[in-house]
Amino acid sequence: MKVVIGGMNENELIKKVQSGDEDSMNRLINNYYRSVFAYFYKNTNKYHQSKDLTQEVFIKMVSGISRYKPKASFKSWIFTIASNHLKNYYRLLSRHPEHLELSEDIPVNELFISEINIKSDISQALAHLPPAQRETIILRFCNELSIKEISKITGAMETTVKARIRYGLEKLRKELEGYDEKNK
């Protein structure tokens, strides 16, 4: 499947980026920025941290784009960078919990509510999942990646990805049923 960005084939756009075309780089970043931001926001539930993580991923993308080869989709490539960056973020938090932000008081109008498109009860239910299950479900259902792509991104076997989705969805269902009971 060929991806078209701003009227140009994605692979052609990437070749222009690799040859130093700054306008093409901006078009590529603009095309993926919201979905990468939403990926981090859904995983961390922290607006400012998600913005920072997203910026860091695009810095890595810019520095590594010369090595990109279109073996897999660019979307898979950028989400592999994001997935690895998220794992590093969680590793840092486990070693240095003082970096964990306690709260982020963000006025609602600053959030990309329409882009994130997730209700708070689903977001809370996702937060209760183990990180590997949460990441897999977000990649599958929010970013619409295939099992094979998720396997490559996360480094997990396809059977493991399927199991994470299955068990994660079951936990989500139970969590959401709990929310329904509380709100009756």
N, C-alpha and C. Protein backbone atom coordinates (compact mmCIF):
# COMPACT_ATOMS: atom_id res chain seq x y z
N MET A 1 0.84 -1.18 0.00
CA MET A 1 0.00 0.00 0.00
C MET A 1 0.89 1.24 0.00
N LYS A 2 0.68 2.10 -0.97
CA LYS A 2 1.47 3.32 -1.07
C LYS A 2 0.81 4.41 -0.26
N VAL A 3 1.62 5.07 0.55
CA VAL A 3 1.15 6.17 1.37
C VAL A 3 1.44 7.47 0.63
N VAL A 4 0.44 8.34 0.60
CA VAL A 4 0.59 9.63 -0.07
C VAL A 4 0.51 10.73 0.99
N ILE A 5 1.49 11.61 0.97
CA ILE A 5 1.54 12.73 1.91
C ILE A 5 1.60 14.01 1.09
N GLY A 6 0.58 14.83 1.25
CA GLY A 6 0.55 16.10 0.53
C GLY A 6 0.70 15.94 -0.97
N GLY A 7 0.08 14.90 -1.52
CA GLY A 7 0.11 14.68 -2.96
C GLY A 7 1.37 13.98 -3.46
N MET A 8 2.26 13.60 -2.56
CA MET A 8 3.51 12.95 -2.97
C MET A 8 3.61 11.57 -2.32
N ASN A 9 4.09 10.60 -3.10
CA ASN A 9 4.34 9.27 -2.58
C ASN A 9 5.32 9.38 -1.41
N GLU A 10 5.02 8.67 -0.30
CA GLU A 10 5.84 8.76 0.90
C GLU A 10 7.30 8.40 0.64
N ASN A 11 7.55 7.37 -0.15
CA ASN A 11 8.94 6.98 -0.43
C ASN A 11 9.69 8.06 -1.21
N GLU A 12 8.99 8.74 -2.13
CA GLU A 12 9.62 9.85 -2.85
C GLU A 12 9.92 10.99 -1.90
N LEU A 13 8.99 11.25 -0.98
CA LEU A 13 9.18 12.31 0.01
C LEU A 13 10.38 11.99 0.90
N ILE A 14 10.51 10.74 1.31
CA ILE A 14 11.64 10.34 2.15
C ILE A 14 12.96 10.50 1.40
N LYS A 15 12.99 10.16 0.11
CA LYS A 15 14.21 10.36 -0.67
C LYS A 15 14.61 11.83 -0.72
N LYS A 16 13.60 12.70 -0.83
CA LYS A 16 13.87 14.14 -0.82
C LYS A 16 14.41 14.57 0.55
N VAL A 17 13.84 14.00 1.60
CA VAL A 17 14.32 14.30 2.96
C VAL A 17 15.77 13.85 3.10
N GLN A 18 16.06 12.65 2.62
CA GLN A 18 17.42 12.11 2.72
C GLN A 18 18.43 12.93 1.92
N SER A 19 17.95 13.65 0.92
CA SER A 19 18.86 14.52 0.14
C SER A 19 18.91 15.93 0.72
N GLY A 20 18.24 16.14 1.88
CA GLY A 20 18.38 17.41 2.58
C GLY A 20 17.26 18.41 2.38
N ASP A 21 16.15 18.00 1.78
CA ASP A 21 15.03 18.92 1.55
C ASP A 21 14.28 19.17 2.86
N GLU A 22 14.44 20.37 3.40
CA GLU A 22 13.85 20.71 4.69
C GLU A 22 12.33 20.78 4.64
N ASP A 23 11.78 21.26 3.54
CA ASP A 23 10.32 21.34 3.40
C ASP A 23 9.70 19.94 3.43
N SER A 24 10.35 19.00 2.77
CA SER A 24 9.86 17.61 2.78
C SER A 24 9.95 17.02 4.18
N MET A 25 11.01 17.36 4.91
CA MET A 25 11.15 16.89 6.29
C MET A 25 9.98 17.41 7.13
N ASN A 26 9.65 18.68 6.99
CA ASN A 26 8.54 19.25 7.75
C ASN A 26 7.21 18.58 7.39
N ARG A 27 7.01 18.27 6.12
CA ARG A 27 5.78 17.59 5.70
C ARG A 27 5.70 16.20 6.31
N LEU A 28 6.82 15.50 6.34
CA LEU A 28 6.86 14.16 6.92
C LEU A 28 6.58 14.21 8.42
N ILE A 29 7.21 15.13 9.11
CA ILE A 29 6.98 15.29 10.55
C ILE A 29 5.52 15.65 10.82
N ASN A 30 5.00 16.62 10.08
CA ASN A 30 3.60 17.03 10.28
C ASN A 30 2.63 15.88 10.05
N ASN A 31 2.96 14.99 9.14
CA ASN A 31 2.08 13.87 8.85
C ASN A 31 1.99 12.88 10.02
N TYR A 32 3.08 12.69 10.76
CA TYR A 32 3.11 11.68 11.82
C TYR A 32 3.09 12.26 13.23
N TYR A 33 3.21 13.56 13.38
CA TYR A 33 3.34 14.15 14.71
C TYR A 33 2.18 13.80 15.63
N ARG A 34 0.96 14.00 15.18
CA ARG A 34 -0.21 13.77 16.04
C ARG A 34 -0.35 12.32 16.47
N SER A 35 -0.08 11.40 15.56
CA SER A 35 -0.24 9.99 15.94
C SER A 35 0.86 9.55 16.91
N VAL A 36 2.07 10.07 16.76
CA VAL A 36 3.14 9.74 17.71
C VAL A 36 2.84 10.38 19.06
N PHE A 37 2.39 11.65 19.04
CA PHE A 37 2.01 12.30 20.30
C PHE A 37 0.89 11.51 21.00
N ALA A 38 -0.13 11.13 20.25
CA ALA A 38 -1.25 10.37 20.84
C ALA A 38 -0.77 9.04 21.41
N TYR A 39 0.17 8.40 20.74
CA TYR A 39 0.74 7.14 21.24
C TYR A 39 1.36 7.36 22.62
N PHE A 40 2.17 8.39 22.76
CA PHE A 40 2.79 8.67 24.05
C PHE A 40 1.76 9.10 25.09
N TYR A 41 0.82 9.93 24.67
CA TYR A 41 -0.18 10.42 25.63
C TYR A 41 -1.04 9.26 26.15
N LYS A 42 -1.42 8.36 25.28
CA LYS A 42 -2.23 7.22 25.70
C LYS A 42 -1.44 6.28 26.61
N ASN A 43 -0.13 6.23 26.42
CA ASN A 43 0.71 5.37 27.26
C ASN A 43 1.07 6.01 28.59
N THR A 44 1.28 7.32 28.62
CA THR A 44 1.74 7.98 29.84
C THR A 44 0.66 8.78 30.55
N ASN A 45 -0.34 9.22 29.80
CA ASN A 45 -1.41 10.08 30.32
C ASN A 45 -0.85 11.40 30.87
N LYS A 46 0.25 11.85 30.30
CA LYS A 46 0.89 13.10 30.71
C LYS A 46 1.12 13.95 29.46
N TYR A 47 0.48 15.08 29.42
CA TYR A 47 0.52 15.96 28.25
C TYR A 47 1.94 16.46 27.96
N HIS A 48 2.56 17.15 28.93
CA HIS A 48 3.87 17.74 28.69
C HIS A 48 4.94 16.68 28.44
N GLN A 49 4.89 15.59 29.19
CA GLN A 49 5.86 14.52 28.98
C GLN A 49 5.69 13.92 27.59
N SER A 50 4.45 13.79 27.15
CA SER A 50 4.18 13.26 25.81
C SER A 50 4.72 14.19 24.74
N LYS A 51 4.58 15.49 24.94
CA LYS A 51 5.14 16.46 23.98
C LYS A 51 6.66 16.31 23.92
N ASP A 52 7.30 16.19 25.10
CA ASP A 52 8.75 16.04 25.14
C ASP A 52 9.20 14.75 24.45
N LEU A 53 8.52 13.64 24.77
CA LEU A 53 8.87 12.36 24.18
C LEU A 53 8.70 12.39 22.66
N THR A 54 7.63 13.04 22.21
CA THR A 54 7.37 13.15 20.78
C THR A 54 8.49 13.94 20.10
N GLN A 55 8.87 15.06 20.70
CA GLN A 55 9.95 15.87 20.13
C GLN A 55 11.24 15.05 20.04
N GLU A 56 11.52 14.30 21.09
CA GLU A 56 12.74 13.49 21.11
C GLU A 56 12.73 12.42 20.02
N VAL A 57 11.56 11.82 19.78
CA VAL A 57 11.45 10.82 18.71
C VAL A 57 11.74 11.45 17.35
N PHE A 58 11.21 12.65 17.13
CA PHE A 58 11.45 13.28 15.83
C PHE A 58 12.89 13.77 15.68
N ILE A 59 13.53 14.10 16.78
CA ILE A 59 14.96 14.41 16.71
C ILE A 59 15.73 13.15 16.30
N LYS A 60 15.36 12.00 16.89
CA LYS A 60 15.99 10.73 16.51
C LYS A 60 15.69 10.39 15.06
N MET A 61 14.46 10.67 14.63
CA MET A 61 14.08 10.39 13.25
C MET A 61 14.94 11.22 12.29
N VAL A 62 15.08 12.51 12.59
CA VAL A 62 15.86 13.39 11.72
C VAL A 62 17.31 12.92 11.65
N SER A 63 17.87 12.53 12.79
CA SER A 63 19.27 12.11 12.78
C SER A 63 19.46 10.73 12.14
N GLY A 64 18.42 9.91 12.09
CA GLY A 64 18.55 8.57 11.54
C GLY A 64 17.93 8.36 10.18
N ILE A 65 17.29 9.38 9.62
CA ILE A 65 16.55 9.21 8.36
C ILE A 65 17.47 8.80 7.21
N SER A 66 18.74 9.17 7.28
CA SER A 66 19.66 8.80 6.19
C SER A 66 19.86 7.29 6.13
N ARG A 67 19.65 6.61 7.25
CA ARG A 67 19.82 5.15 7.31
C ARG A 67 18.52 4.39 7.02
N TYR A 68 17.40 5.11 6.89
CA TYR A 68 16.12 4.43 6.64
C TYR A 68 16.11 3.79 5.26
N LYS A 69 15.73 2.53 5.24
CA LYS A 69 15.56 1.79 3.98
C LYS A 69 14.11 1.32 3.95
N PRO A 70 13.42 1.52 2.84
CA PRO A 70 11.99 1.19 2.79
C PRO A 70 11.67 -0.30 2.75
N LYS A 71 12.29 -1.10 3.65
CA LYS A 71 11.96 -2.53 3.76
C LYS A 71 10.61 -2.68 4.43
N ALA A 72 10.40 -1.92 5.48
CA ALA A 72 9.12 -1.90 6.18
C ALA A 72 8.52 -0.52 5.95
N SER A 73 7.27 -0.34 6.35
CA SER A 73 6.65 0.96 6.17
C SER A 73 7.32 2.00 7.06
N PHE A 74 7.29 3.24 6.62
CA PHE A 74 7.86 4.31 7.42
C PHE A 74 7.11 4.42 8.75
N LYS A 75 5.81 4.18 8.72
CA LYS A 75 5.01 4.22 9.95
C LYS A 75 5.55 3.21 10.96
N SER A 76 5.86 2.01 10.51
CA SER A 76 6.45 1.00 11.40
C SER A 76 7.80 1.47 11.93
N TRP A 77 8.58 2.09 11.06
CA TRP A 77 9.91 2.55 11.46
C TRP A 77 9.80 3.63 12.54
N ILE A 78 8.93 4.61 12.34
CA ILE A 78 8.81 5.71 13.31
C ILE A 78 8.24 5.18 14.62
N PHE A 79 7.31 4.22 14.56
CA PHE A 79 6.76 3.67 15.80
C PHE A 79 7.73 2.72 16.50
N THR A 80 8.67 2.16 15.76
CA THR A 80 9.73 1.39 16.41
C THR A 80 10.60 2.33 17.24
N ILE A 81 10.92 3.47 16.67
CA ILE A 81 11.68 4.48 17.42
C ILE A 81 10.88 4.91 18.66
N ALA A 82 9.58 5.17 18.48
CA ALA A 82 8.74 5.61 19.60
C ALA A 82 8.63 4.53 20.67
N SER A 83 8.47 3.30 20.27
CA SER A 83 8.36 2.19 21.22
C SER A 83 9.64 2.04 22.04
N ASN A 84 10.77 2.09 21.36
CA ASN A 84 12.05 2.00 22.08
C ASN A 84 12.24 3.18 23.02
N HIS A 85 11.82 4.35 22.58
CA HIS A 85 11.95 5.54 23.41
C HIS A 85 11.04 5.44 24.65
N LEU A 86 9.84 4.89 24.47
CA LEU A 86 8.93 4.70 25.60
C LEU A 86 9.52 3.72 26.61
N LYS A 87 10.12 2.64 26.12
CA LYS A 87 10.77 1.67 27.01
C LYS A 87 11.90 2.33 27.80
N ASN A 88 12.68 3.16 27.13
CA ASN A 88 13.76 3.89 27.82
C ASN A 88 13.20 4.85 28.86
N TYR A 89 12.09 5.49 28.55
CA TYR A 89 11.43 6.39 29.49
C TYR A 89 11.00 5.62 30.74
N TYR A 90 10.36 4.46 30.56
CA TYR A 90 9.93 3.65 31.71
C TYR A 90 11.14 3.15 32.50
N ARG A 91 12.21 2.79 31.80
CA ARG A 91 13.43 2.35 32.49
C ARG A 91 13.99 3.49 33.35
N LEU A 92 14.01 4.69 32.81
CA LEU A 92 14.49 5.85 33.56
C LEU A 92 13.62 6.08 34.80
N LEU A 93 12.31 5.98 34.63
CA LEU A 93 11.41 6.19 35.77
C LEU A 93 11.60 5.13 36.84
N SER A 94 11.88 3.90 36.44
CA SER A 94 12.07 2.85 37.44
C SER A 94 13.36 3.06 38.24
N ARG A 95 14.36 3.65 37.58
CA ARG A 95 15.64 3.91 38.26
C ARG A 95 15.64 5.24 39.00
N HIS A 96 14.86 6.19 38.50
CA HIS A 96 14.83 7.54 39.07
C HIS A 96 13.38 8.01 39.21
N PRO A 97 12.65 7.46 40.19
CA PRO A 97 11.23 7.82 40.31
C PRO A 97 11.00 9.30 40.61
N GLU A 98 12.03 10.02 41.01
CA GLU A 98 11.86 11.45 41.26
C GLU A 98 11.54 12.21 39.97
N HIS A 99 11.81 11.60 38.80
CA HIS A 99 11.47 12.23 37.52
C HIS A 99 9.99 12.11 37.20
N LEU A 100 9.29 11.29 37.96
CA LEU A 100 7.86 11.11 37.72
C LEU A 100 7.12 12.37 38.12
N GLU A 101 6.40 12.94 37.17
CA GLU A 101 5.63 14.14 37.46
C GLU A 101 4.38 13.74 38.22
N LEU A 102 4.09 14.45 39.31
CA LEU A 102 2.95 14.10 40.13
C LEU A 102 1.64 14.51 39.49
N SER A 103 1.59 15.66 38.89
CA SER A 103 0.36 16.07 38.23
C SER A 103 0.69 17.06 37.13
N GLU A 104 -0.21 17.16 36.22
CA GLU A 104 -0.09 18.13 35.15
C GLU A 104 -1.41 18.84 35.03
N ASP A 105 -1.48 20.03 35.55
CA ASP A 105 -2.71 20.81 35.48
C ASP A 105 -2.73 21.56 34.16
N ILE A 106 -3.33 20.94 33.18
CA ILE A 106 -3.40 21.51 31.84
C ILE A 106 -4.84 21.94 31.59
N PRO A 107 -5.05 23.17 31.19
CA PRO A 107 -6.41 23.56 30.81
C PRO A 107 -6.88 22.68 29.66
N VAL A 108 -8.13 22.29 29.71
CA VAL A 108 -8.67 21.35 28.73
C VAL A 108 -8.48 21.85 27.30
N ASN A 109 -8.58 23.17 27.09
CA ASN A 109 -8.48 23.66 25.73
C ASN A 109 -7.09 23.49 25.12
N GLU A 110 -6.07 23.18 25.92
CA GLU A 110 -4.73 22.95 25.38
C GLU A 110 -4.57 21.54 24.83
N LEU A 111 -5.41 20.62 25.25
CA LEU A 111 -5.27 19.23 24.80
C LEU A 111 -5.83 19.04 23.41
N PHE A 112 -5.31 18.09 22.71
CA PHE A 112 -5.83 17.72 21.39
C PHE A 112 -6.97 16.73 21.60
N ILE A 113 -8.02 17.17 22.24
CA ILE A 113 -9.11 16.25 22.59
C ILE A 113 -9.62 15.51 21.35
N SER A 114 -9.88 16.23 20.28
CA SER A 114 -10.42 15.55 19.10
C SER A 114 -9.42 14.58 18.49
N GLU A 115 -8.11 14.90 18.54
CA GLU A 115 -7.11 14.02 17.96
C GLU A 115 -6.89 12.79 18.83
N ILE A 116 -6.91 12.97 20.13
CA ILE A 116 -6.67 11.85 21.03
C ILE A 116 -7.86 10.90 21.01
N ASN A 117 -9.06 11.47 21.00
CA ASN A 117 -10.30 10.72 20.79
C ASN A 117 -10.41 9.48 21.69
N ILE A 118 -10.21 9.69 22.98
CA ILE A 118 -10.35 8.56 23.89
C ILE A 118 -11.02 9.07 25.15
N LYS A 119 -12.01 8.39 25.61
CA LYS A 119 -12.74 8.80 26.80
C LYS A 119 -11.90 8.57 28.03
N SER A 120 -12.17 9.31 29.08
CA SER A 120 -11.34 9.21 30.27
C SER A 120 -11.45 7.85 30.94
N ASP A 121 -12.60 7.20 30.88
CA ASP A 121 -12.70 5.88 31.51
C ASP A 121 -11.86 4.85 30.75
N ILE A 122 -11.78 4.95 29.44
CA ILE A 122 -10.93 4.04 28.67
C ILE A 122 -9.46 4.35 28.96
N SER A 123 -9.14 5.62 29.04
CA SER A 123 -7.77 6.02 29.35
C SER A 123 -7.36 5.49 30.72
N GLN A 124 -8.24 5.58 31.69
CA GLN A 124 -7.94 5.07 33.02
C GLN A 124 -7.80 3.55 33.00
N ALA A 125 -8.66 2.89 32.24
CA ALA A 125 -8.57 1.43 32.13
C ALA A 125 -7.25 1.03 31.47
N LEU A 126 -6.85 1.75 30.44
CA LEU A 126 -5.56 1.47 29.79
C LEU A 126 -4.40 1.65 30.77
N ALA A 127 -4.51 2.65 31.62
CA ALA A 127 -3.44 2.91 32.60
C ALA A 127 -3.25 1.76 33.58
N HIS A 128 -4.28 0.96 33.77
CA HIS A 128 -4.18 -0.17 34.70
C HIS A 128 -3.55 -1.42 34.07
N LEU A 129 -3.36 -1.40 32.76
CA LEU A 129 -2.74 -2.54 32.08
C LEU A 129 -1.23 -2.52 32.28
N PRO A 130 -0.61 -3.69 32.28
CA PRO A 130 0.87 -3.72 32.28
C PRO A 130 1.37 -2.99 31.03
N PRO A 131 2.52 -2.31 31.12
CA PRO A 131 3.01 -1.51 29.98
C PRO A 131 3.08 -2.25 28.65
N ALA A 132 3.49 -3.50 28.64
CA ALA A 132 3.62 -4.24 27.37
C ALA A 132 2.25 -4.47 26.74
N GLN A 133 1.23 -4.78 27.54
CA GLN A 133 -0.11 -4.97 27.00
C GLN A 133 -0.69 -3.64 26.53
N ARG A 134 -0.49 -2.58 27.32
CA ARG A 134 -1.01 -1.26 26.95
C ARG A 134 -0.40 -0.81 25.63
N GLU A 135 0.91 -0.94 25.50
CA GLU A 135 1.59 -0.52 24.28
C GLU A 135 1.07 -1.31 23.08
N THR A 136 0.93 -2.61 23.24
CA THR A 136 0.47 -3.47 22.13
C THR A 136 -0.94 -3.10 21.70
N ILE A 137 -1.81 -2.87 22.64
CA ILE A 137 -3.20 -2.50 22.31
C ILE A 137 -3.25 -1.14 21.63
N ILE A 138 -2.46 -0.20 22.10
CA ILE A 138 -2.45 1.13 21.47
C ILE A 138 -1.90 1.04 20.05
N LEU A 139 -0.83 0.29 19.85
CA LEU A 139 -0.28 0.14 18.50
C LEU A 139 -1.29 -0.53 17.57
N ARG A 140 -2.01 -1.53 18.08
CA ARG A 140 -2.95 -2.27 17.24
C ARG A 140 -4.21 -1.47 16.92
N PHE A 141 -4.84 -0.92 17.94
CA PHE A 141 -6.16 -0.33 17.73
C PHE A 141 -6.16 1.18 17.54
N CYS A 142 -5.19 1.86 18.08
CA CYS A 142 -5.14 3.31 17.90
C CYS A 142 -4.28 3.69 16.70
N ASN A 143 -3.21 2.95 16.49
CA ASN A 143 -2.32 3.26 15.38
C ASN A 143 -2.51 2.31 14.20
N GLU A 144 -3.41 1.36 14.35
CA GLU A 144 -3.83 0.45 13.27
C GLU A 144 -2.67 -0.28 12.61
N LEU A 145 -1.75 -0.78 13.45
CA LEU A 145 -0.63 -1.56 12.93
C LEU A 145 -0.99 -3.05 12.98
N SER A 146 -0.40 -3.81 12.08
CA SER A 146 -0.66 -5.25 12.03
C SER A 146 0.10 -5.97 13.13
N ILE A 147 -0.28 -7.21 13.38
CA ILE A 147 0.41 -8.05 14.37
C ILE A 147 1.88 -8.16 14.00
N LYS A 148 2.15 -8.38 12.71
CA LYS A 148 3.52 -8.53 12.23
C LYS A 148 4.32 -7.24 12.47
N GLU A 149 3.71 -6.09 12.18
CA GLU A 149 4.40 -4.81 12.40
C GLU A 149 4.66 -4.59 13.89
N ILE A 150 3.69 -4.91 14.73
CA ILE A 150 3.86 -4.74 16.17
C ILE A 150 4.97 -5.66 16.68
N SER A 151 5.02 -6.86 16.14
CA SER A 151 6.07 -7.80 16.51
C SER A 151 7.45 -7.22 16.20
N LYS A 152 7.59 -6.64 15.03
CA LYS A 152 8.88 -6.03 14.66
C LYS A 152 9.19 -4.82 15.53
N ILE A 153 8.19 -4.01 15.80
CA ILE A 153 8.38 -2.79 16.59
C ILE A 153 8.80 -3.11 18.02
N THR A 154 8.11 -4.06 18.63
CA THR A 154 8.36 -4.36 20.05
C THR A 154 9.43 -5.42 20.27
N GLY A 155 9.77 -6.17 19.22
CA GLY A 155 10.75 -7.24 19.37
C GLY A 155 10.16 -8.50 20.00
N ALA A 156 8.84 -8.56 20.08
CA ALA A 156 8.17 -9.74 20.64
C ALA A 156 7.69 -10.64 19.50
N MET A 157 7.59 -11.93 19.78
CA MET A 157 7.09 -12.87 18.77
C MET A 157 5.62 -12.55 18.48
N GLU A 158 5.16 -12.90 17.28
CA GLU A 158 3.77 -12.63 16.91
C GLU A 158 2.79 -13.30 17.87
N THR A 159 3.10 -14.51 18.33
CA THR A 159 2.21 -15.19 19.28
C THR A 159 2.14 -14.41 20.60
N THR A 160 3.25 -13.82 21.00
CA THR A 160 3.27 -13.01 22.22
C THR A 160 2.42 -11.76 22.03
N VAL A 161 2.54 -11.13 20.86
CA VAL A 161 1.74 -9.94 20.56
C VAL A 161 0.25 -10.29 20.62
N LYS A 162 -0.12 -11.40 20.01
CA LYS A 162 -1.53 -11.83 20.03
C LYS A 162 -2.00 -12.08 21.46
N ALA A 163 -1.15 -12.71 22.26
CA ALA A 163 -1.52 -12.98 23.65
C ALA A 163 -1.66 -11.68 24.44
N ARG A 164 -0.76 -10.74 24.22
CA ARG A 164 -0.86 -9.45 24.91
C ARG A 164 -2.15 -8.74 24.55
N ILE A 165 -2.52 -8.81 23.29
CA ILE A 165 -3.78 -8.18 22.86
C ILE A 165 -4.96 -8.88 23.52
N ARG A 166 -4.96 -10.20 23.46
CA ARG A 166 -6.08 -10.96 24.03
C ARG A 166 -6.24 -10.70 25.53
N TYR A 167 -5.15 -10.85 26.28
CA TYR A 167 -5.23 -10.65 27.73
C TYR A 167 -5.47 -9.18 28.08
N GLY A 168 -4.89 -8.28 27.31
CA GLY A 168 -5.11 -6.86 27.55
C GLY A 168 -6.55 -6.46 27.31
N LEU A 169 -7.14 -6.97 26.23
CA LEU A 169 -8.55 -6.67 25.94
C LEU A 169 -9.47 -7.24 27.02
N GLU A 170 -9.13 -8.42 27.50
CA GLU A 170 -9.93 -9.03 28.57
C GLU A 170 -9.85 -8.18 29.84
N LYS A 171 -8.66 -7.71 30.17
CA LYS A 171 -8.51 -6.84 31.35
C LYS A 171 -9.24 -5.52 31.15
N LEU A 172 -9.16 -4.98 29.95
CA LEU A 172 -9.89 -3.74 29.65
C LEU A 172 -11.39 -3.93 29.82
N ARG A 173 -11.89 -5.05 29.29
CA ARG A 173 -13.32 -5.33 29.40
C ARG A 173 -13.75 -5.38 30.87
N LYS A 174 -12.97 -6.08 31.69
CA LYS A 174 -13.29 -6.18 33.11
C LYS A 174 -13.21 -4.82 33.80
N GLU A 175 -12.19 -4.03 33.46
CA GLU A 175 -12.05 -2.69 34.03
C GLU A 175 -13.25 -1.82 33.65
N LEU A 176 -13.62 -1.87 32.37
CA LEU A 176 -14.72 -1.02 31.89
C LEU A 176 -16.05 -1.48 32.48
N GLU A 177 -16.22 -2.78 32.69
CA GLU A 177 -17.43 -3.26 33.35
C GLU A 177 -17.47 -2.73 34.80
N GLY A 178 -16.30 -2.65 35.42
CA GLY A 178 -16.21 -2.10 36.77
C GLY A 178 -16.61 -0.64 36.81
N TYR A 179 -16.21 0.13 35.77
CA TYR A 179 -16.59 1.53 35.69
C TYR A 179 -18.09 1.67 35.53
N ASP A 180 -18.68 0.78 34.70
CA ASP A 180 -20.14 0.83 34.50
C ASP A 180 -20.86 0.58 35.83
N GLU A 181 -20.37 -0.38 36.60
CA GLU A 181 -21.00 -0.70 37.88
C GLU A 181 -20.89 0.47 38.85
N LYS A 182 -19.75 1.13 38.88
CA LYS A 182 -19.53 2.27 39.78
C LYS A 182 -20.42 3.45 39.41
N ASN A 183 -20.69 3.62 38.11
CA ASN A 183 -21.43 4.78 37.65
C ASN A 183 -22.94 4.57 37.60
N LYS A 184 -23.41 3.40 38.03
CA LYS A 184 -24.86 3.15 38.03
C LYS A 184 -25.49 3.71 39.27
